[in-house]
């Protein structure tokens, strides 16, 4: 069986004559504000400035839509802060549970933990010894938690310690 996720096209036709800028969705700034003042966009349609990775991104996942919707609500209530969110995707297929955080596109080093031919392993992409992305399949919570934390905080990671440590917690102590 093969499952292919090919993405979606954002529906922007209702905004065609609104003056709101479009490019692969609705263009928004780091506050999720469109080119029209006090008009915000969130979810699959929002092409936002990702402040963690320094590039534009449109994410087609409900986790992103929820986070952006919450951010827009806080903004409308008076809190002015950039949207900061680690890109995230997960799925559960029968007894396999996997998660991907971050963006491996510009990685210069890959560290693998566990047996890649088995049902439990993780892959860590580093860029200049900072975590760029992490994939976990059926791994302990400590690895999943560390991935999110290290990405959000742009933590410098020793590839040797990450590779050789018995646990991610042990690697983290040595970072």
Protein backbone atom coordinates (compact mmCIF):
# COMPACT_ATOMS: atom_id res chain seq x y z
CA UNK A 1 0.00 0.00 0.00
CA UNK A 2 1.22 3.50 -0.81
CA UNK A 3 -0.17 6.68 0.71
CA UNK A 4 0.82 9.92 -0.98
CA UNK A 5 0.19 13.31 0.57
CA UNK A 6 0.44 15.84 -2.23
CA UNK A 7 -0.83 18.93 -0.47
CA UNK A 8 -3.72 21.24 -1.07
CA UNK A 9 -4.34 24.40 -3.01
CA UNK A 10 -5.41 27.29 -0.81
CA UNK A 11 -8.80 28.75 -1.66
CA UNK A 12 -8.17 32.45 -2.23
CA UNK A 13 -10.77 33.29 -4.90
CA UNK A 14 -13.14 35.01 -2.41
CA UNK A 15 -10.33 37.52 -1.73
CA UNK A 16 -9.48 38.14 -5.41
CA UNK A 17 -10.55 41.81 -5.47
CA UNK A 18 -9.86 42.63 -1.82
CA UNK A 19 -6.42 44.19 -2.26
CA UNK A 20 -4.93 41.50 -0.01
CA UNK A 21 -1.63 40.22 -1.42
CA UNK A 22 -1.55 36.57 -2.51
CA UNK A 23 1.30 34.20 -3.30
CA UNK A 24 0.80 30.50 -2.61
CA UNK A 25 -1.98 31.53 -0.25
CA UNK A 26 -2.59 34.75 1.63
CA UNK A 27 0.67 36.58 2.37
CA UNK A 28 0.94 37.52 6.03
CA UNK A 29 3.73 39.02 8.08
CA UNK A 30 5.27 37.58 11.25
CA UNK A 31 2.15 38.70 13.18
CA UNK A 32 -0.14 36.86 10.69
CA UNK A 33 -1.45 40.20 9.46
CA UNK A 34 -2.29 40.54 5.76
CA UNK A 35 -1.29 43.48 3.55
CA UNK A 36 -4.53 45.11 4.73
CA UNK A 37 -4.21 46.53 8.27
CA UNK A 38 -6.11 44.64 10.99
CA UNK A 39 -6.99 41.71 8.73
CA UNK A 40 -5.37 38.41 9.71
CA UNK A 41 -5.13 34.98 8.12
CA UNK A 42 -4.43 31.63 9.77
CA UNK A 43 -4.26 27.95 8.83
CA UNK A 44 -3.63 26.26 5.48
CA UNK A 45 -4.21 29.49 3.54
CA UNK A 46 -1.67 31.63 5.45
CA UNK A 47 1.76 32.00 3.82
CA UNK A 48 3.67 33.37 6.81
CA UNK A 49 7.16 34.57 7.62
CA UNK A 50 8.68 31.78 9.72
CA UNK A 51 10.87 33.58 12.25
CA UNK A 52 12.60 30.38 13.41
CA UNK A 53 13.85 29.45 9.93
CA UNK A 54 13.93 32.88 8.27
CA UNK A 55 11.76 31.97 5.30
CA UNK A 56 8.16 31.94 4.11
CA UNK A 57 6.12 28.86 4.86
CA UNK A 58 2.55 27.61 4.36
CA UNK A 59 1.79 24.59 6.53
CA UNK A 60 -1.05 22.19 5.76
CA UNK A 61 -1.56 20.60 9.17
CA UNK A 62 -4.23 21.10 11.79
CA UNK A 63 -1.63 21.68 14.54
CA UNK A 64 -0.42 24.77 12.67
CA UNK A 65 -3.98 25.98 12.06
CA UNK A 66 -4.84 25.70 15.76
CA UNK A 67 -1.64 27.49 16.83
CA UNK A 68 -2.15 30.28 14.30
CA UNK A 69 -5.81 30.68 15.26
CA UNK A 70 -4.83 31.00 18.93
CA UNK A 71 -2.12 33.50 18.01
CA UNK A 72 -4.59 35.62 16.01
CA UNK A 73 -7.02 35.59 18.97
CA UNK A 74 -4.26 36.82 21.33
CA UNK A 75 -3.33 39.52 18.79
CA UNK A 76 -6.95 40.69 18.54
CA UNK A 77 -7.01 40.88 22.34
CA UNK A 78 -4.05 43.27 22.28
CA UNK A 79 -0.95 41.07 22.50
CA UNK A 80 1.49 42.07 19.74
CA UNK A 81 4.10 39.33 19.28
CA UNK A 82 5.46 37.48 16.26
CA UNK A 83 4.06 34.02 15.54
CA UNK A 84 6.74 31.50 16.53
CA UNK A 85 5.96 27.85 15.95
CA UNK A 86 8.10 24.79 15.22
CA UNK A 87 6.71 23.21 12.04
CA UNK A 88 5.22 19.86 13.06
CA UNK A 89 3.60 16.83 11.50
CA UNK A 90 2.59 13.51 13.02
CA UNK A 91 0.66 10.40 12.17
CA UNK A 92 -0.32 7.13 13.77
CA UNK A 93 -0.61 4.14 11.46
CA UNK A 94 -1.59 0.94 13.26
CA UNK A 95 1.20 0.37 15.82
CA UNK A 96 3.56 2.96 14.32
CA UNK A 97 3.61 6.49 15.65
CA UNK A 98 5.86 9.04 13.99
CA UNK A 99 6.49 12.76 14.30
CA UNK A 100 8.55 15.30 12.40
CA UNK A 101 9.52 18.70 13.76
CA UNK A 102 11.39 21.45 11.99
CA UNK A 103 12.75 21.77 8.47
CA UNK A 104 15.61 19.51 7.29
CA UNK A 105 16.12 21.40 4.00
CA UNK A 106 19.41 23.14 4.90
CA UNK A 107 20.94 20.46 7.14
CA UNK A 108 24.63 19.68 6.82
CA UNK A 109 24.74 16.66 9.14
CA UNK A 110 22.38 13.77 9.94
CA UNK A 111 22.50 11.75 13.17
CA UNK A 112 20.57 8.50 13.49
CA UNK A 113 19.54 6.86 16.76
CA UNK A 114 18.21 3.33 16.98
CA UNK A 115 17.81 0.75 14.22
CA UNK A 116 16.44 2.34 11.04
CA UNK A 117 15.25 -1.06 9.83
CA UNK A 118 13.22 -1.57 13.02
CA UNK A 119 10.05 0.00 14.41
CA UNK A 120 11.83 2.45 16.77
CA UNK A 121 14.39 5.04 15.66
CA UNK A 122 15.00 8.74 15.32
CA UNK A 123 16.79 10.94 12.80
CA UNK A 124 18.23 14.34 13.71
CA UNK A 125 19.18 16.95 11.09
CA UNK A 126 21.75 19.52 12.17
CA UNK A 127 22.82 22.78 10.55
CA UNK A 128 26.06 24.22 11.91
CA UNK A 129 25.56 22.06 15.03
CA UNK A 130 22.09 23.44 15.70
CA UNK A 131 19.08 21.18 15.42
CA UNK A 132 17.19 21.90 12.18
CA UNK A 133 14.72 18.98 12.25
CA UNK A 134 13.97 15.72 14.03
CA UNK A 135 11.98 12.64 13.09
CA UNK A 136 10.97 10.10 15.71
CA UNK A 137 9.23 6.77 15.26
CA UNK A 138 8.03 5.01 18.40
CA UNK A 139 10.70 6.73 20.51
CA UNK A 140 10.72 7.66 24.22
CA UNK A 141 9.04 10.89 25.31
CA UNK A 142 12.43 12.36 26.26
CA UNK A 143 13.47 12.38 22.59
CA UNK A 144 10.20 13.87 21.41
CA UNK A 145 10.29 16.56 24.11
CA UNK A 146 13.95 17.39 23.47
CA UNK A 147 13.34 17.82 19.74
CA UNK A 148 10.67 20.46 20.26
CA UNK A 149 12.63 22.27 22.96
CA UNK A 150 15.95 22.26 21.07
CA UNK A 151 14.31 23.54 17.88
CA UNK A 152 12.34 26.31 19.57
CA UNK A 153 15.43 27.48 21.48
CA UNK A 154 17.93 27.00 18.61
CA UNK A 155 20.11 24.85 20.87
CA UNK A 156 23.64 23.93 19.78
CA UNK A 157 23.86 20.11 19.67
CA UNK A 158 27.00 18.00 19.64
CA UNK A 159 26.47 15.39 16.90
CA UNK A 160 28.98 13.06 18.57
CA UNK A 161 27.19 13.22 21.95
CA UNK A 162 23.80 12.86 20.31
CA UNK A 163 25.04 9.83 18.37
CA UNK A 164 26.89 8.13 21.23
CA UNK A 165 24.78 8.93 24.31
CA UNK A 166 22.60 6.14 25.67
CA UNK A 167 19.75 8.64 26.03
CA UNK A 168 18.91 12.09 24.73
CA UNK A 169 18.78 13.32 28.34
CA UNK A 170 22.38 12.17 28.73
CA UNK A 171 23.32 13.94 25.48
CA UNK A 172 21.52 17.07 26.65
CA UNK A 173 23.54 17.17 29.86
CA UNK A 174 26.69 17.20 27.75
CA UNK A 175 25.59 19.87 25.29
